[in-house]
Amino acid sequence: MTALRPAPDASPAQWLLHTGAAWNDLVRYGPPVFAAYVRILLQQETDDPAGEAPSLRIALATLRKHTTTPRHAYAAIWEGWVGTASAPLAPPVRIPNRTMLLFAGPVEVMRDAPTLAWYGEPRGYQEPHLVWPADQAWCLACEVDEEIEFSVGCSDLAARSLEAALPGAVRRVRYGEPAPMFRDET
């Protein structure tokens, strides 16, 4: 049994939809309501055979300390991330061009939210798409098609904690700022 479960309904995600953000900024940065925004390198060099980006796990462990509700968080996962497996039953979050399914659980399981939701266990590596605690203290966003960085909207204190936890991998940005999405293989 996993600590991740379908949310009872989609109401915890409504704050994302009522911010007036363009859908592509919302899925890449979260909502435009935070004091600070950072982009964090998806670090690929690892000894983990699954190829996990350790920066994502470190970021969530750091952000866990910057919420009053670490046992109550949400993950919105794009309904189509696994083309060959049926999507689990969960309330839909209707973001234009990126309908997502809403799951609930503690912050510490959110790194594995996609595979926990689809398979009931951590399996391989897939970033969660939008993650936030119930108190909405921050929002972590991994755009479905992006492979270089992910974003966190948060307080200035949380941004400084991320910079300290991931030296050289965190940069401050403005909300919606253009950034490359794909690795340059040349």
N, C-alpha and C. Protein backbone atom coordinates (compact mmCIF):
# COMPACT_ATOMS: atom_id res chain seq x y z
N MET A 1 0.85 -1.20 0.00
CA MET A 1 0.00 0.00 0.00
C MET A 1 0.89 1.25 0.00
N THR A 2 0.57 2.18 -0.83
CA THR A 2 1.35 3.40 -0.95
C THR A 2 0.70 4.55 -0.16
N ALA A 3 1.48 5.53 0.20
CA ALA A 3 0.97 6.70 0.91
C ALA A 3 0.36 7.71 -0.07
N LEU A 4 0.42 7.43 -1.35
CA LEU A 4 -0.17 8.30 -2.36
C LEU A 4 -1.53 7.74 -2.74
N ARG A 5 -2.53 8.59 -2.82
CA ARG A 5 -3.88 8.16 -3.15
C ARG A 5 -4.55 9.22 -4.01
N PRO A 6 -5.58 8.86 -4.77
CA PRO A 6 -6.32 9.88 -5.50
C PRO A 6 -6.92 10.89 -4.52
N ALA A 7 -6.88 12.16 -4.86
CA ALA A 7 -7.51 13.18 -4.02
C ALA A 7 -9.02 12.94 -4.04
N PRO A 8 -9.74 13.34 -2.97
CA PRO A 8 -11.19 13.14 -2.96
C PRO A 8 -11.91 13.89 -4.09
N ASP A 9 -11.40 15.06 -4.45
CA ASP A 9 -11.96 15.84 -5.55
C ASP A 9 -10.87 16.81 -6.02
N ALA A 10 -11.19 17.61 -7.03
CA ALA A 10 -10.19 18.50 -7.62
C ALA A 10 -10.10 19.87 -6.93
N SER A 11 -10.86 20.10 -5.90
CA SER A 11 -10.87 21.43 -5.27
C SER A 11 -9.51 21.91 -4.77
N PRO A 12 -8.61 21.04 -4.27
CA PRO A 12 -7.30 21.55 -3.85
C PRO A 12 -6.46 22.16 -4.98
N ALA A 13 -6.82 21.89 -6.23
CA ALA A 13 -6.07 22.44 -7.38
C ALA A 13 -6.69 23.71 -7.93
N GLN A 14 -7.81 24.12 -7.41
CA GLN A 14 -8.50 25.29 -7.98
C GLN A 14 -7.67 26.57 -7.87
N TRP A 15 -6.84 26.69 -6.85
CA TRP A 15 -6.01 27.89 -6.71
C TRP A 15 -5.07 28.05 -7.90
N LEU A 16 -4.67 26.95 -8.52
CA LEU A 16 -3.81 27.02 -9.70
C LEU A 16 -4.54 27.62 -10.89
N LEU A 17 -5.81 27.29 -11.02
CA LEU A 17 -6.58 27.66 -12.19
C LEU A 17 -7.14 29.07 -12.15
N HIS A 18 -7.18 29.67 -10.98
CA HIS A 18 -7.79 31.00 -10.83
C HIS A 18 -6.76 32.11 -10.71
N THR A 19 -5.58 31.89 -11.22
CA THR A 19 -4.52 32.91 -11.12
C THR A 19 -4.39 33.75 -12.37
N GLY A 20 -5.06 33.36 -13.43
CA GLY A 20 -4.96 34.10 -14.69
C GLY A 20 -3.69 33.79 -15.47
N ALA A 21 -2.92 32.80 -15.05
CA ALA A 21 -1.68 32.45 -15.74
C ALA A 21 -1.99 31.73 -17.05
N ALA A 22 -1.17 31.97 -18.06
CA ALA A 22 -1.26 31.20 -19.30
C ALA A 22 -0.95 29.74 -18.98
N TRP A 23 -1.59 28.81 -19.67
CA TRP A 23 -1.41 27.40 -19.35
C TRP A 23 0.06 26.97 -19.42
N ASN A 24 0.79 27.48 -20.43
CA ASN A 24 2.19 27.05 -20.58
C ASN A 24 3.07 27.60 -19.46
N ASP A 25 2.76 28.78 -18.92
CA ASP A 25 3.50 29.29 -17.75
C ASP A 25 3.11 28.51 -16.50
N LEU A 26 1.83 28.19 -16.38
CA LEU A 26 1.35 27.46 -15.21
C LEU A 26 2.02 26.10 -15.08
N VAL A 27 2.13 25.36 -16.18
CA VAL A 27 2.73 24.03 -16.10
C VAL A 27 4.25 24.09 -15.99
N ARG A 28 4.83 25.23 -16.30
CA ARG A 28 6.29 25.37 -16.23
C ARG A 28 6.75 26.06 -14.96
N TYR A 29 5.93 26.94 -14.38
CA TYR A 29 6.32 27.71 -13.21
C TYR A 29 5.39 27.57 -12.03
N GLY A 30 4.22 26.95 -12.20
CA GLY A 30 3.21 26.97 -11.16
C GLY A 30 2.48 28.30 -11.24
N PRO A 31 1.74 28.67 -10.20
CA PRO A 31 0.97 29.92 -10.24
C PRO A 31 1.84 31.15 -9.98
N PRO A 32 1.44 32.31 -10.48
CA PRO A 32 2.23 33.54 -10.33
C PRO A 32 1.93 34.28 -9.02
N VAL A 33 2.09 33.58 -7.90
CA VAL A 33 1.70 34.16 -6.61
C VAL A 33 2.84 34.21 -5.58
N PHE A 34 4.03 33.80 -5.95
CA PHE A 34 5.11 33.66 -4.98
C PHE A 34 6.10 34.82 -5.03
N ALA A 35 6.80 35.02 -3.93
CA ALA A 35 7.81 36.09 -3.83
C ALA A 35 9.05 35.77 -4.65
N ALA A 36 9.35 34.49 -4.81
CA ALA A 36 10.57 34.09 -5.52
C ALA A 36 10.28 32.91 -6.44
N TYR A 37 11.01 32.88 -7.55
CA TYR A 37 10.97 31.75 -8.47
C TYR A 37 12.40 31.35 -8.77
N VAL A 38 12.63 30.03 -8.75
CA VAL A 38 13.95 29.51 -9.10
C VAL A 38 13.79 28.41 -10.13
N ARG A 39 14.82 28.24 -10.94
CA ARG A 39 14.92 27.12 -11.87
C ARG A 39 16.06 26.27 -11.35
N ILE A 40 15.84 24.96 -11.32
CA ILE A 40 16.81 24.03 -10.76
C ILE A 40 17.18 23.01 -11.83
N LEU A 41 18.47 22.82 -12.01
CA LEU A 41 18.98 21.88 -12.98
C LEU A 41 18.54 20.46 -12.65
N LEU A 42 17.99 19.76 -13.63
CA LEU A 42 17.70 18.34 -13.46
C LEU A 42 19.02 17.60 -13.62
N GLN A 43 19.66 17.33 -12.52
CA GLN A 43 20.98 16.69 -12.56
C GLN A 43 20.82 15.25 -13.00
N GLN A 44 21.51 14.87 -14.05
CA GLN A 44 21.37 13.54 -14.62
C GLN A 44 22.48 12.58 -14.21
N GLU A 45 23.63 13.10 -13.83
CA GLU A 45 24.74 12.21 -13.49
C GLU A 45 24.48 11.62 -12.11
N THR A 46 24.32 10.31 -12.07
CA THR A 46 23.99 9.64 -10.83
C THR A 46 24.43 8.19 -10.90
N ASP A 47 24.61 7.57 -9.76
CA ASP A 47 24.91 6.14 -9.70
C ASP A 47 23.64 5.31 -9.69
N ASP A 48 22.50 5.97 -9.60
CA ASP A 48 21.21 5.28 -9.56
C ASP A 48 20.93 4.65 -10.91
N PRO A 49 20.73 3.34 -10.96
CA PRO A 49 20.49 2.69 -12.24
C PRO A 49 19.20 3.17 -12.92
N ALA A 50 18.27 3.70 -12.14
CA ALA A 50 17.03 4.21 -12.72
C ALA A 50 17.24 5.56 -13.39
N GLY A 51 18.41 6.16 -13.20
CA GLY A 51 18.71 7.44 -13.83
C GLY A 51 18.05 8.62 -13.16
N GLU A 52 17.72 8.48 -11.90
CA GLU A 52 17.01 9.53 -11.17
C GLU A 52 17.83 10.82 -11.08
N ALA A 53 17.14 11.95 -11.21
CA ALA A 53 17.75 13.26 -11.01
C ALA A 53 17.74 13.56 -9.51
N PRO A 54 18.88 13.50 -8.84
CA PRO A 54 18.90 13.70 -7.39
C PRO A 54 18.47 15.11 -6.98
N SER A 55 18.58 16.07 -7.87
CA SER A 55 18.20 17.44 -7.50
C SER A 55 16.72 17.54 -7.16
N LEU A 56 15.89 16.76 -7.79
CA LEU A 56 14.46 16.79 -7.51
C LEU A 56 14.17 16.27 -6.10
N ARG A 57 14.81 15.18 -5.73
CA ARG A 57 14.61 14.62 -4.39
C ARG A 57 15.16 15.59 -3.33
N ILE A 58 16.31 16.19 -3.58
CA ILE A 58 16.89 17.16 -2.64
C ILE A 58 15.98 18.39 -2.52
N ALA A 59 15.45 18.85 -3.64
CA ALA A 59 14.56 20.02 -3.61
C ALA A 59 13.32 19.72 -2.77
N LEU A 60 12.70 18.57 -2.97
CA LEU A 60 11.50 18.24 -2.19
C LEU A 60 11.82 18.07 -0.71
N ALA A 61 12.97 17.47 -0.38
CA ALA A 61 13.36 17.34 1.03
C ALA A 61 13.58 18.71 1.65
N THR A 62 14.14 19.63 0.89
CA THR A 62 14.36 20.99 1.37
C THR A 62 13.03 21.72 1.53
N LEU A 63 12.17 21.62 0.53
CA LEU A 63 10.87 22.30 0.57
C LEU A 63 9.97 21.75 1.67
N ARG A 64 10.16 20.50 2.04
CA ARG A 64 9.37 19.90 3.13
C ARG A 64 9.51 20.72 4.41
N LYS A 65 10.66 21.33 4.59
CA LYS A 65 10.92 22.15 5.80
C LYS A 65 10.27 23.53 5.70
N HIS A 66 9.72 23.86 4.53
CA HIS A 66 9.14 25.19 4.31
C HIS A 66 7.63 25.11 4.09
N THR A 67 6.99 24.23 4.83
CA THR A 67 5.54 24.13 4.82
C THR A 67 5.06 23.73 6.20
N THR A 68 3.87 24.16 6.55
CA THR A 68 3.27 23.73 7.82
C THR A 68 2.47 22.44 7.63
N THR A 69 2.38 21.96 6.39
CA THR A 69 1.58 20.76 6.09
C THR A 69 2.39 19.71 5.32
N PRO A 70 3.55 19.27 5.83
CA PRO A 70 4.36 18.30 5.07
C PRO A 70 3.69 16.94 4.90
N ARG A 71 2.72 16.61 5.75
CA ARG A 71 2.03 15.32 5.63
C ARG A 71 0.85 15.40 4.67
N HIS A 72 0.53 16.63 4.19
CA HIS A 72 -0.63 16.82 3.31
C HIS A 72 -0.21 17.65 2.10
N ALA A 73 0.04 16.95 1.00
CA ALA A 73 0.47 17.62 -0.23
C ALA A 73 -0.29 17.02 -1.40
N TYR A 74 -0.12 17.67 -2.55
CA TYR A 74 -0.83 17.25 -3.75
C TYR A 74 0.14 17.16 -4.92
N ALA A 75 -0.16 16.23 -5.82
CA ALA A 75 0.57 16.11 -7.08
C ALA A 75 -0.45 16.06 -8.20
N ALA A 76 -0.29 16.94 -9.17
CA ALA A 76 -1.09 16.91 -10.39
C ALA A 76 -0.20 16.30 -11.46
N ILE A 77 -0.62 15.17 -12.00
CA ILE A 77 0.19 14.40 -12.95
C ILE A 77 -0.55 14.35 -14.28
N TRP A 78 0.17 14.70 -15.35
CA TRP A 78 -0.42 14.69 -16.68
C TRP A 78 -1.02 13.32 -16.97
N GLU A 79 -2.27 13.31 -17.39
CA GLU A 79 -2.99 12.05 -17.61
C GLU A 79 -2.37 11.19 -18.70
N GLY A 80 -1.58 11.77 -19.59
CA GLY A 80 -1.04 11.00 -20.70
C GLY A 80 0.43 10.67 -20.60
N TRP A 81 1.03 10.77 -19.42
CA TRP A 81 2.48 10.55 -19.35
C TRP A 81 2.88 9.13 -19.67
N VAL A 82 2.01 8.16 -19.49
CA VAL A 82 2.30 6.78 -19.88
C VAL A 82 1.31 6.41 -20.97
N GLY A 83 1.78 6.36 -22.19
CA GLY A 83 0.90 6.08 -23.30
C GLY A 83 0.38 4.66 -23.34
N THR A 84 1.08 3.71 -22.71
CA THR A 84 0.71 2.31 -22.82
C THR A 84 -0.08 1.80 -21.63
N ALA A 85 -0.16 2.55 -20.55
CA ALA A 85 -0.89 2.10 -19.36
C ALA A 85 -2.13 2.96 -19.17
N SER A 86 -3.19 2.35 -18.71
CA SER A 86 -4.42 3.10 -18.44
C SER A 86 -4.19 4.05 -17.28
N ALA A 87 -4.72 5.25 -17.40
CA ALA A 87 -4.60 6.24 -16.33
C ALA A 87 -5.43 5.78 -15.13
N PRO A 88 -4.90 5.99 -13.92
CA PRO A 88 -5.67 5.63 -12.73
C PRO A 88 -6.87 6.57 -12.57
N LEU A 89 -7.84 6.14 -11.80
CA LEU A 89 -9.00 6.98 -11.51
C LEU A 89 -8.61 8.02 -10.46
N ALA A 90 -8.71 9.26 -10.83
CA ALA A 90 -8.42 10.38 -9.93
C ALA A 90 -9.11 11.61 -10.49
N PRO A 91 -9.41 12.58 -9.65
CA PRO A 91 -10.09 13.78 -10.14
C PRO A 91 -9.25 14.52 -11.18
N PRO A 92 -9.86 14.95 -12.28
CA PRO A 92 -9.10 15.70 -13.30
C PRO A 92 -8.92 17.16 -12.91
N VAL A 93 -7.76 17.69 -13.24
CA VAL A 93 -7.46 19.13 -13.11
C VAL A 93 -7.37 19.60 -14.56
N ARG A 94 -8.32 20.40 -14.98
CA ARG A 94 -8.45 20.74 -16.39
C ARG A 94 -7.63 21.98 -16.76
N ILE A 95 -6.33 21.79 -16.87
CA ILE A 95 -5.42 22.82 -17.38
C ILE A 95 -5.45 22.68 -18.90
N PRO A 96 -5.69 23.76 -19.63
CA PRO A 96 -5.72 23.63 -21.10
C PRO A 96 -4.44 22.97 -21.62
N ASN A 97 -4.59 22.04 -22.55
CA ASN A 97 -3.48 21.32 -23.19
C ASN A 97 -2.71 20.40 -22.24
N ARG A 98 -3.08 20.32 -20.97
CA ARG A 98 -2.37 19.48 -20.01
C ARG A 98 -3.32 18.99 -18.91
N THR A 99 -4.41 18.34 -19.27
CA THR A 99 -5.29 17.80 -18.23
C THR A 99 -4.47 16.88 -17.34
N MET A 100 -4.58 17.11 -16.04
CA MET A 100 -3.81 16.34 -15.08
C MET A 100 -4.76 15.62 -14.12
N LEU A 101 -4.24 14.63 -13.43
CA LEU A 101 -4.99 13.89 -12.42
C LEU A 101 -4.41 14.25 -11.06
N LEU A 102 -5.29 14.41 -10.07
CA LEU A 102 -4.86 14.91 -8.76
C LEU A 102 -4.75 13.79 -7.73
N PHE A 103 -3.59 13.77 -7.07
CA PHE A 103 -3.29 12.79 -6.03
C PHE A 103 -2.86 13.51 -4.76
N ALA A 104 -3.02 12.82 -3.62
CA ALA A 104 -2.68 13.41 -2.33
C ALA A 104 -1.77 12.45 -1.57
N GLY A 105 -0.93 13.02 -0.70
CA GLY A 105 -0.04 12.24 0.14
C GLY A 105 0.97 13.15 0.79
N PRO A 106 1.90 12.61 1.55
CA PRO A 106 2.93 13.43 2.18
C PRO A 106 3.97 13.89 1.16
N VAL A 107 4.63 15.00 1.47
CA VAL A 107 5.65 15.55 0.57
C VAL A 107 6.71 14.51 0.23
N GLU A 108 7.10 13.68 1.19
CA GLU A 108 8.22 12.75 0.94
C GLU A 108 7.93 11.71 -0.14
N VAL A 109 6.67 11.46 -0.50
CA VAL A 109 6.40 10.49 -1.58
C VAL A 109 6.17 11.17 -2.93
N MET A 110 6.12 12.48 -2.95
CA MET A 110 5.77 13.18 -4.18
C MET A 110 6.81 13.03 -5.29
N ARG A 111 8.05 12.77 -4.97
CA ARG A 111 9.08 12.55 -5.98
C ARG A 111 8.70 11.36 -6.87
N ASP A 112 8.07 10.36 -6.27
CA ASP A 112 7.69 9.16 -7.00
C ASP A 112 6.21 9.13 -7.37
N ALA A 113 5.53 10.26 -7.29
CA ALA A 113 4.09 10.31 -7.49
C ALA A 113 3.62 9.68 -8.80
N PRO A 114 4.24 9.96 -9.95
CA PRO A 114 3.72 9.34 -11.19
C PRO A 114 3.72 7.81 -11.15
N THR A 115 4.82 7.21 -10.77
CA THR A 115 4.86 5.74 -10.78
C THR A 115 4.04 5.15 -9.64
N LEU A 116 3.97 5.83 -8.50
CA LEU A 116 3.10 5.35 -7.42
C LEU A 116 1.65 5.38 -7.86
N ALA A 117 1.24 6.43 -8.55
CA ALA A 117 -0.15 6.56 -8.99
C ALA A 117 -0.51 5.50 -10.04
N TRP A 118 0.39 5.25 -10.99
CA TRP A 118 0.09 4.32 -12.07
C TRP A 118 0.33 2.87 -11.68
N TYR A 119 1.41 2.61 -10.91
CA TYR A 119 1.81 1.23 -10.66
C TYR A 119 1.75 0.81 -9.19
N GLY A 120 1.56 1.76 -8.28
CA GLY A 120 1.50 1.42 -6.86
C GLY A 120 2.85 1.26 -6.19
N GLU A 121 3.93 1.52 -6.94
CA GLU A 121 5.28 1.41 -6.40
C GLU A 121 6.22 2.29 -7.20
N PRO A 122 7.34 2.71 -6.59
CA PRO A 122 8.32 3.47 -7.37
C PRO A 122 8.88 2.56 -8.47
N ARG A 123 8.93 3.08 -9.69
CA ARG A 123 9.38 2.27 -10.83
C ARG A 123 10.04 3.19 -11.82
N GLY A 124 11.34 3.10 -11.95
CA GLY A 124 12.04 3.95 -12.90
C GLY A 124 12.03 5.40 -12.44
N TYR A 125 12.12 6.29 -13.40
CA TYR A 125 12.20 7.71 -13.07
C TYR A 125 11.28 8.52 -13.94
N GLN A 126 10.43 9.30 -13.31
CA GLN A 126 9.55 10.24 -13.99
C GLN A 126 9.26 11.37 -13.02
N GLU A 127 9.49 12.62 -13.45
CA GLU A 127 9.24 13.75 -12.57
C GLU A 127 7.75 13.93 -12.33
N PRO A 128 7.37 14.35 -11.12
CA PRO A 128 5.99 14.77 -10.91
C PRO A 128 5.78 16.09 -11.65
N HIS A 129 4.59 16.39 -12.08
CA HIS A 129 4.40 17.57 -12.92
C HIS A 129 4.12 18.84 -12.12
N LEU A 130 3.19 18.82 -11.19
CA LEU A 130 2.98 19.94 -10.28
C LEU A 130 2.82 19.36 -8.88
N VAL A 131 3.55 19.91 -7.91
CA VAL A 131 3.48 19.44 -6.53
C VAL A 131 3.39 20.66 -5.63
N TRP A 132 2.50 20.60 -4.63
CA TRP A 132 2.39 21.69 -3.65
C TRP A 132 1.83 21.13 -2.34
N PRO A 133 2.20 21.74 -1.23
CA PRO A 133 1.63 21.33 0.05
C PRO A 133 0.24 21.95 0.23
N ALA A 134 -0.55 21.40 1.14
CA ALA A 134 -1.91 21.89 1.37
C ALA A 134 -1.94 23.36 1.77
N ASP A 135 -0.90 23.84 2.44
CA ASP A 135 -0.89 25.26 2.83
C ASP A 135 -0.45 26.19 1.70
N GLN A 136 -0.15 25.63 0.53
CA GLN A 136 0.24 26.39 -0.67
C GLN A 136 1.46 27.28 -0.43
N ALA A 137 2.39 26.82 0.41
CA ALA A 137 3.59 27.59 0.72
C ALA A 137 4.56 27.64 -0.46
N TRP A 138 4.47 26.70 -1.37
CA TRP A 138 5.34 26.64 -2.54
C TRP A 138 4.67 25.76 -3.60
N CYS A 139 5.21 25.80 -4.80
CA CYS A 139 4.75 24.92 -5.87
C CYS A 139 5.95 24.54 -6.73
N LEU A 140 6.15 23.25 -6.91
CA LEU A 140 7.22 22.73 -7.75
C LEU A 140 6.58 22.33 -9.08
N ALA A 141 7.18 22.74 -10.18
CA ALA A 141 6.63 22.45 -11.51
C ALA A 141 7.68 21.82 -12.41
N CYS A 142 7.33 20.69 -12.99
CA CYS A 142 8.17 20.00 -13.98
C CYS A 142 7.34 19.87 -15.25
N GLU A 143 7.54 20.74 -16.20
CA GLU A 143 6.77 20.70 -17.43
C GLU A 143 7.00 19.36 -18.13
N VAL A 144 5.95 18.77 -18.63
CA VAL A 144 5.98 17.43 -19.21
C VAL A 144 7.09 17.25 -20.24
N ASP A 145 7.29 18.23 -21.12
CA ASP A 145 8.24 18.08 -22.21
C ASP A 145 9.64 18.59 -21.89
N GLU A 146 9.85 19.09 -20.70
CA GLU A 146 11.13 19.71 -20.38
C GLU A 146 12.12 18.69 -19.84
N GLU A 147 13.38 18.84 -20.20
CA GLU A 147 14.39 17.89 -19.74
C GLU A 147 15.64 18.55 -19.15
N ILE A 148 15.64 19.85 -18.97
CA ILE A 148 16.83 20.53 -18.45
C ILE A 148 16.66 20.98 -17.01
N GLU A 149 15.55 21.65 -16.73
CA GLU A 149 15.34 22.25 -15.41
C GLU A 149 13.89 22.05 -14.97
N PHE A 150 13.66 22.27 -13.69
CA PHE A 150 12.30 22.39 -13.17
C PHE A 150 12.25 23.67 -12.37
N SER A 151 11.04 24.10 -12.01
CA SER A 151 10.85 25.39 -11.34
C SER A 151 10.24 25.21 -9.96
N VAL A 152 10.51 26.17 -9.10
CA VAL A 152 9.86 26.24 -7.80
C VAL A 152 9.47 27.69 -7.55
N GLY A 153 8.20 27.91 -7.24
CA GLY A 153 7.73 29.19 -6.74
C GLY A 153 7.62 29.06 -5.24
N CYS A 154 8.16 30.04 -4.49
CA CYS A 154 8.23 29.88 -3.05
C CYS A 154 8.54 31.22 -2.38
N SER A 155 8.79 31.18 -1.09
CA SER A 155 9.23 32.36 -0.35
C SER A 155 10.71 32.61 -0.63
N ASP A 156 11.18 33.79 -0.31
CA ASP A 156 12.60 34.09 -0.47
C ASP A 156 13.45 33.18 0.42
N LEU A 157 12.96 32.90 1.64
CA LEU A 157 13.69 32.01 2.55
C LEU A 157 13.81 30.61 1.97
N ALA A 158 12.73 30.08 1.40
CA ALA A 158 12.80 28.75 0.78
C ALA A 158 13.74 28.76 -0.42
N ALA A 159 13.73 29.84 -1.20
CA ALA A 159 14.65 29.93 -2.35
C ALA A 159 16.10 29.91 -1.87
N ARG A 160 16.40 30.63 -0.80
CA ARG A 160 17.77 30.61 -0.25
C ARG A 160 18.14 29.21 0.26
N SER A 161 17.19 28.51 0.84
CA SER A 161 17.45 27.14 1.31
C SER A 161 17.74 26.21 0.13
N LEU A 162 17.01 26.39 -0.96
CA LEU A 162 17.28 25.58 -2.16
C LEU A 162 18.66 25.89 -2.73
N GLU A 163 19.02 27.16 -2.76
CA GLU A 163 20.35 27.55 -3.25
C GLU A 163 21.45 26.91 -2.40
N ALA A 164 21.24 26.85 -1.08
CA ALA A 164 22.24 26.25 -0.19
C ALA A 164 22.28 24.73 -0.35
N ALA A 165 21.14 24.10 -0.55
CA ALA A 165 21.07 22.65 -0.67
C ALA A 165 21.59 22.14 -2.01
N LEU A 166 21.49 22.99 -3.04
CA LEU A 166 21.89 22.58 -4.40
C LEU A 166 22.82 23.63 -5.01
N PRO A 167 24.02 23.80 -4.43
CA PRO A 167 24.91 24.85 -4.91
C PRO A 167 25.25 24.67 -6.39
N GLY A 168 25.13 25.77 -7.12
CA GLY A 168 25.45 25.78 -8.55
C GLY A 168 24.34 25.25 -9.44
N ALA A 169 23.28 24.69 -8.86
CA ALA A 169 22.19 24.11 -9.68
C ALA A 169 20.93 24.98 -9.67
N VAL A 170 20.92 26.05 -8.87
CA VAL A 170 19.73 26.87 -8.70
C VAL A 170 20.00 28.28 -9.22
N ARG A 171 19.05 28.80 -9.98
CA ARG A 171 19.17 30.19 -10.42
C ARG A 171 17.82 30.88 -10.24
N ARG A 172 17.86 32.12 -9.82
CA ARG A 172 16.63 32.92 -9.65
C ARG A 172 16.16 33.38 -11.03
N VAL A 173 14.83 33.41 -11.20
CA VAL A 173 14.24 33.84 -12.46
C VAL A 173 12.99 34.67 -12.19
N ARG A 174 12.52 35.33 -13.24
CA ARG A 174 11.22 36.00 -13.19
C ARG A 174 10.17 34.99 -13.65
N TYR A 175 8.98 35.11 -13.12
CA TYR A 175 7.89 34.24 -13.52
C TYR A 175 7.67 34.32 -15.03
N GLY A 176 7.60 33.17 -15.67
CA GLY A 176 7.34 33.10 -17.10
C GLY A 176 8.53 33.37 -18.00
N GLU A 177 9.69 33.58 -17.41
CA GLU A 177 10.89 33.87 -18.19
C GLU A 177 11.20 32.73 -19.15
N PRO A 178 11.48 33.03 -20.42
CA PRO A 178 11.83 31.95 -21.37
C PRO A 178 13.13 31.26 -20.94
N ALA A 179 13.15 29.97 -21.15
CA ALA A 179 14.34 29.17 -20.84
C ALA A 179 14.36 27.99 -21.78
N PRO A 180 15.52 27.43 -22.08
CA PRO A 180 15.57 26.27 -22.96
C PRO A 180 14.87 25.07 -22.30
N MET A 181 14.24 24.25 -23.13
CA MET A 181 13.53 23.09 -22.62
C MET A 181 14.28 21.78 -22.86
N PHE A 182 15.14 21.76 -23.86
CA PHE A 182 15.79 20.52 -24.24
C PHE A 182 17.29 20.63 -24.17
N ARG A 183 17.94 19.52 -23.93
CA ARG A 183 19.40 19.47 -23.90
C ARG A 183 19.94 19.66 -25.31
N ASP A 184 21.00 20.43 -25.44
CA ASP A 184 21.65 20.62 -26.74
C ASP A 184 22.63 19.47 -26.91
N GLU A 185 22.32 18.58 -27.80
CA GLU A 185 23.13 17.37 -28.01
C GLU A 185 24.33 17.61 -28.94
N THR A 186 24.52 18.85 -29.42
CA THR A 186 25.64 19.10 -30.33
C THR A 186 26.93 19.33 -29.60
